[in-house]
């Protein structure tokens, strides 16, 4: 009995290795896979105590471009006006429609003639946007923001 068991082991190992190699070579199912998208936006904002902003941008996702609009309000310490150009990534997108929604952010910043802007946002569908870029203007801000993105 031990001899027949020893003869079966190499065959079993070969089959196991082939199954493992086949499993690693198979592509992930695209309908369930999440992909990251590239985001570019231009935002104009201003305020005194309560701030507001608007802008537009483009999401590039799976080889296609999707224009969008941005509107938002901020509450806290806000004084000044700036124009910013942001560039970054959106992750957690299952479908393009997941990108649209209401995003929340807590943050602050300072600009005197020019500065750097950075934002980390998350919406109710689990999409996270991280962007940064230059801004021009005069601003002092420490606030809570709510931003709405709508696809055009």
C-alpha atoms as a PDB file:
ATOM      1  CA  UNK A   1       0.000   0.000   0.000  1.00  0.00           C
ATOM      2  CA  UNK A   2       2.743   2.578   0.764  1.00  0.00           C
ATOM      3  CA  UNK A   3       4.240   2.070  -2.740  1.00  0.00           C
ATOM      4  CA  UNK A   4       0.985   2.948  -4.582  1.00  0.00           C
ATOM      5  CA  UNK A   5       0.595   6.038  -2.414  1.00  0.00           C
ATOM      6  CA  UNK A   6       4.113   7.205  -3.346  1.00  0.00           C
ATOM      7  CA  UNK A   7       3.318   6.752  -7.054  1.00  0.00           C
ATOM      8  CA  UNK A   8       0.175   8.940  -6.789  1.00  0.00           C
ATOM      9  CA  UNK A   9       1.926  11.845  -5.012  1.00  0.00           C
ATOM     10  CA  UNK A  10       3.781  13.234  -8.076  1.00  0.00           C
ATOM     11  CA  UNK A  11       0.532  13.200 -10.106  1.00  0.00           C
ATOM     12  CA  UNK A  12      -1.362  14.939  -7.315  1.00  0.00           C
ATOM     13  CA  UNK A  13       1.346  17.604  -6.992  1.00  0.00           C
ATOM     14  CA  UNK A  14       1.353  18.197 -10.751  1.00  0.00           C
ATOM     15  CA  UNK A  15      -2.436  18.640 -10.833  1.00  0.00           C
ATOM     16  CA  UNK A  16      -2.344  20.984  -7.822  1.00  0.00           C
ATOM     17  CA  UNK A  17       0.380  23.111  -9.419  1.00  0.00           C
ATOM     18  CA  UNK A  18      -1.532  23.290 -12.731  1.00  0.00           C
ATOM     19  CA  UNK A  19      -4.727  24.378 -10.959  1.00  0.00           C
ATOM     20  CA  UNK A  20      -2.836  27.029  -8.996  1.00  0.00           C
ATOM     21  CA  UNK A  21      -1.159  28.367 -12.149  1.00  0.00           C
ATOM     22  CA  UNK A  22      -4.493  28.443 -13.979  1.00  0.00           C
ATOM     23  CA  UNK A  23      -6.147  30.306 -11.100  1.00  0.00           C
ATOM     24  CA  UNK A  24      -3.392  32.928 -10.993  1.00  0.00           C
ATOM     25  CA  UNK A  25      -3.477  33.429 -14.764  1.00  0.00           C
ATOM     26  CA  UNK A  26      -7.260  33.948 -14.977  1.00  0.00           C
ATOM     27  CA  UNK A  27      -8.252  37.628 -15.200  1.00  0.00           C
ATOM     28  CA  UNK A  28     -10.482  39.217 -12.578  1.00  0.00           C
ATOM     29  CA  UNK A  29     -14.109  39.643 -13.607  1.00  0.00           C
ATOM     30  CA  UNK A  30     -14.367  43.263 -14.799  1.00  0.00           C
ATOM     31  CA  UNK A  31     -17.993  43.718 -13.710  1.00  0.00           C
ATOM     32  CA  UNK A  32     -17.021  43.325 -10.051  1.00  0.00           C
ATOM     33  CA  UNK A  33     -13.581  44.935 -10.187  1.00  0.00           C
ATOM     34  CA  UNK A  34     -13.084  48.486  -8.956  1.00  0.00           C
ATOM     35  CA  UNK A  35     -10.910  50.771 -11.008  1.00  0.00           C
ATOM     36  CA  UNK A  36      -9.342  54.122 -10.192  1.00  0.00           C
ATOM     37  CA  UNK A  37     -10.121  57.183 -12.263  1.00  0.00           C
ATOM     38  CA  UNK A  38      -8.056  60.285 -12.946  1.00  0.00           C
ATOM     39  CA  UNK A  39      -9.711  63.540 -11.828  1.00  0.00           C
ATOM     40  CA  UNK A  40      -8.981  67.126 -12.951  1.00  0.00           C
ATOM     41  CA  UNK A  41     -10.932  70.104 -11.662  1.00  0.00           C
ATOM     42  CA  UNK A  42     -10.946  73.894 -11.587  1.00  0.00           C
ATOM     43  CA  UNK A  43     -12.658  75.429  -8.544  1.00  0.00           C
ATOM     44  CA  UNK A  44     -13.460  79.056  -7.711  1.00  0.00           C
ATOM     45  CA  UNK A  45     -14.373  79.717  -4.078  1.00  0.00           C
ATOM     46  CA  UNK A  46     -14.817  82.583  -1.700  1.00  0.00           C
ATOM     47  CA  UNK A  47     -16.512  83.636   1.478  1.00  0.00           C
ATOM     48  CA  UNK A  48     -16.587  85.367   4.803  1.00  0.00           C
ATOM     49  CA  UNK A  49     -17.496  82.970   7.659  1.00  0.00           C
ATOM     50  CA  UNK A  50     -19.684  80.954   5.269  1.00  0.00           C
ATOM     51  CA  UNK A  51     -18.035  80.060   1.991  1.00  0.00           C
ATOM     52  CA  UNK A  52     -19.218  78.819  -1.337  1.00  0.00           C
ATOM     53  CA  UNK A  53     -17.604  77.466  -4.418  1.00  0.00           C
ATOM     54  CA  UNK A  54     -18.269  76.125  -7.870  1.00  0.00           C
ATOM     55  CA  UNK A  55     -16.267  74.536 -10.600  1.00  0.00           C
ATOM     56  CA  UNK A  56     -16.027  71.899 -13.241  1.00  0.00           C
ATOM     57  CA  UNK A  57     -13.793  69.017 -14.110  1.00  0.00           C
ATOM     58  CA  UNK A  58     -13.266  65.791 -15.978  1.00  0.00           C
ATOM     59  CA  UNK A  59     -13.143  62.227 -14.683  1.00  0.00           C
ATOM     60  CA  UNK A  60     -11.162  59.872 -16.918  1.00  0.00           C
ATOM     61  CA  UNK A  61     -12.356  56.363 -16.123  1.00  0.00           C
ATOM     62  CA  UNK A  62     -11.599  53.198 -18.090  1.00  0.00           C
ATOM     63  CA  UNK A  63     -10.461  55.158 -21.121  1.00  0.00           C
ATOM     64  CA  UNK A  64     -13.450  57.513 -21.333  1.00  0.00           C
ATOM     65  CA  UNK A  65     -13.854  61.132 -20.211  1.00  0.00           C
ATOM     66  CA  UNK A  66     -16.837  62.239 -18.108  1.00  0.00           C
ATOM     67  CA  UNK A  67     -17.318  65.991 -17.500  1.00  0.00           C
ATOM     68  CA  UNK A  68     -18.768  66.998 -14.137  1.00  0.00           C
ATOM     69  CA  UNK A  69     -19.841  70.048 -12.134  1.00  0.00           C
ATOM     70  CA  UNK A  70     -18.883  70.887  -8.555  1.00  0.00           C
ATOM     71  CA  UNK A  71     -20.854  73.001  -6.088  1.00  0.00           C
ATOM     72  CA  UNK A  72     -20.181  73.359  -2.410  1.00  0.00           C
ATOM     73  CA  UNK A  73     -20.574  75.165   0.886  1.00  0.00           C
ATOM     74  CA  UNK A  74     -18.206  75.491   3.812  1.00  0.00           C
ATOM     75  CA  UNK A  75     -18.865  76.487   7.403  1.00  0.00           C
ATOM     76  CA  UNK A  76     -16.252  77.691   9.864  1.00  0.00           C
ATOM     77  CA  UNK A  77     -13.495  80.249   9.574  1.00  0.00           C
ATOM     78  CA  UNK A  78     -13.427  81.340   5.952  1.00  0.00           C
ATOM     79  CA  UNK A  79     -12.163  84.629   4.541  1.00  0.00           C
ATOM     80  CA  UNK A  80     -11.022  85.425   1.017  1.00  0.00           C
ATOM     81  CA  UNK A  81     -11.301  84.122  -2.520  1.00  0.00           C
ATOM     82  CA  UNK A  82      -9.201  81.678  -4.541  1.00  0.00           C
ATOM     83  CA  UNK A  83      -9.050  79.849  -7.853  1.00  0.00           C
ATOM     84  CA  UNK A  84      -7.566  76.377  -7.786  1.00  0.00           C
ATOM     85  CA  UNK A  85      -6.633  73.719 -10.310  1.00  0.00           C
ATOM     86  CA  UNK A  86      -6.620  70.263  -8.788  1.00  0.00           C
ATOM     87  CA  UNK A  87      -5.331  66.977 -10.125  1.00  0.00           C
ATOM     88  CA  UNK A  88      -5.656  63.542  -8.549  1.00  0.00           C
ATOM     89  CA  UNK A  89      -7.368  60.172  -8.332  1.00  0.00           C
ATOM     90  CA  UNK A  90     -10.764  58.745  -7.473  1.00  0.00           C
ATOM     91  CA  UNK A  91     -10.906  55.198  -6.111  1.00  0.00           C
ATOM     92  CA  UNK A  92     -13.686  52.837  -5.095  1.00  0.00           C
ATOM     93  CA  UNK A  93     -15.656  53.372  -8.314  1.00  0.00           C
ATOM     94  CA  UNK A  94     -17.677  50.351  -9.413  1.00  0.00           C
ATOM     95  CA  UNK A  95     -19.797  52.249 -11.953  1.00  0.00           C
ATOM     96  CA  UNK A  96     -19.406  55.789 -13.302  1.00  0.00           C
ATOM     97  CA  UNK A  97     -22.616  56.818 -11.520  1.00  0.00           C
ATOM     98  CA  UNK A  98     -20.889  56.106  -8.176  1.00  0.00           C
ATOM     99  CA  UNK A  99     -18.688  59.174  -8.765  1.00  0.00           C
ATOM    100  CA  UNK A 100     -21.623  61.594  -8.556  1.00  0.00           C
ATOM    101  CA  UNK A 101     -22.831  62.424  -5.055  1.00  0.00           C
ATOM    102  CA  UNK A 102     -22.254  64.431  -1.910  1.00  0.00           C
ATOM    103  CA  UNK A 103     -18.739  64.484  -0.482  1.00  0.00           C
ATOM    104  CA  UNK A 104     -17.632  65.698   2.947  1.00  0.00           C
ATOM    105  CA  UNK A 105     -14.334  67.195   4.013  1.00  0.00           C
ATOM    106  CA  UNK A 106     -12.773  68.814   7.071  1.00  0.00           C
ATOM    107  CA  UNK A 107      -9.742  70.962   6.433  1.00  0.00           C
ATOM    108  CA  UNK A 108      -8.086  74.288   6.166  1.00  0.00           C
ATOM    109  CA  UNK A 109      -5.636  76.298   4.191  1.00  0.00           C
ATOM    110  CA  UNK A 110      -3.875  79.559   3.636  1.00  0.00           C
ATOM    111  CA  UNK A 111      -3.009  81.406   0.447  1.00  0.00           C
ATOM    112  CA  UNK A 112      -1.394  84.795   0.001  1.00  0.00           C
ATOM    113  CA  UNK A 113      -1.230  85.444  -3.736  1.00  0.00           C
ATOM    114  CA  UNK A 114      -0.547  81.747  -4.306  1.00  0.00           C
ATOM    115  CA  UNK A 115      -0.427  78.483  -2.459  1.00  0.00           C
ATOM    116  CA  UNK A 116      -1.009  74.756  -2.646  1.00  0.00           C
ATOM    117  CA  UNK A 117      -4.405  73.167  -2.247  1.00  0.00           C
ATOM    118  CA  UNK A 118      -5.069  69.568  -1.211  1.00  0.00           C
ATOM    119  CA  UNK A 119      -8.323  67.757  -0.590  1.00  0.00           C
ATOM    120  CA  UNK A 120      -9.387  64.293   0.565  1.00  0.00           C
ATOM    121  CA  UNK A 121     -13.101  63.577  -0.034  1.00  0.00           C
ATOM    122  CA  UNK A 122     -15.420  60.587   0.425  1.00  0.00           C
ATOM    123  CA  UNK A 123     -19.029  60.135  -0.666  1.00  0.00           C
ATOM    124  CA  UNK A 124     -21.892  57.931   0.518  1.00  0.00           C
ATOM    125  CA  UNK A 125     -21.130  55.287  -2.156  1.00  0.00           C
ATOM    126  CA  UNK A 126     -17.581  54.749  -0.867  1.00  0.00           C
ATOM    127  CA  UNK A 127     -15.787  56.708  -3.593  1.00  0.00           C
ATOM    128  CA  UNK A 128     -12.686  58.521  -2.331  1.00  0.00           C
ATOM    129  CA  UNK A 129     -11.120  61.452  -4.178  1.00  0.00           C
ATOM    130  CA  UNK A 130      -7.618  62.712  -3.375  1.00  0.00           C
ATOM    131  CA  UNK A 131      -6.470  65.808  -5.284  1.00  0.00           C
ATOM    132  CA  UNK A 132      -3.871  68.541  -4.979  1.00  0.00           C
ATOM    133  CA  UNK A 133      -2.652  71.486  -6.987  1.00  0.00           C
ATOM    134  CA  UNK A 134      -1.873  75.191  -7.045  1.00  0.00           C
ATOM    135  CA  UNK A 135      -4.301  77.928  -6.019  1.00  0.00           C
ATOM    136  CA  UNK A 136      -4.165  81.683  -6.505  1.00  0.00           C
ATOM    137  CA  UNK A 137      -5.797  84.382  -4.399  1.00  0.00           C
ATOM    138  CA  UNK A 138      -6.081  85.352  -0.772  1.00  0.00           C
ATOM    139  CA  UNK A 139      -7.636  82.892   1.680  1.00  0.00           C
ATOM    140  CA  UNK A 140      -7.614  81.809   5.301  1.00  0.00           C
ATOM    141  CA  UNK A 141      -9.805  78.787   5.995  1.00  0.00           C
ATOM    142  CA  UNK A 142     -10.498  76.211   8.698  1.00  0.00           C
ATOM    143  CA  UNK A 143     -13.843  74.653   7.994  1.00  0.00           C
ATOM    144  CA  UNK A 144     -16.175  71.776   7.286  1.00  0.00           C
ATOM    145  CA  UNK A 145     -17.164  71.475   3.647  1.00  0.00           C
ATOM    146  CA  UNK A 146     -19.898  69.645   1.795  1.00  0.00           C
ATOM    147  CA  UNK A 147     -19.338  69.299  -1.925  1.00  0.00           C
ATOM    148  CA  UNK A 148     -21.764  67.984  -4.531  1.00  0.00           C
ATOM    149  CA  UNK A 149     -20.491  66.485  -7.776  1.00  0.00           C
ATOM    150  CA  UNK A 150     -22.911  65.917 -10.641  1.00  0.00           C
ATOM    151  CA  UNK A 151     -22.065  64.316 -13.968  1.00  0.00           C
ATOM    152  CA  UNK A 152     -23.081  66.368 -16.996  1.00  0.00           C
END
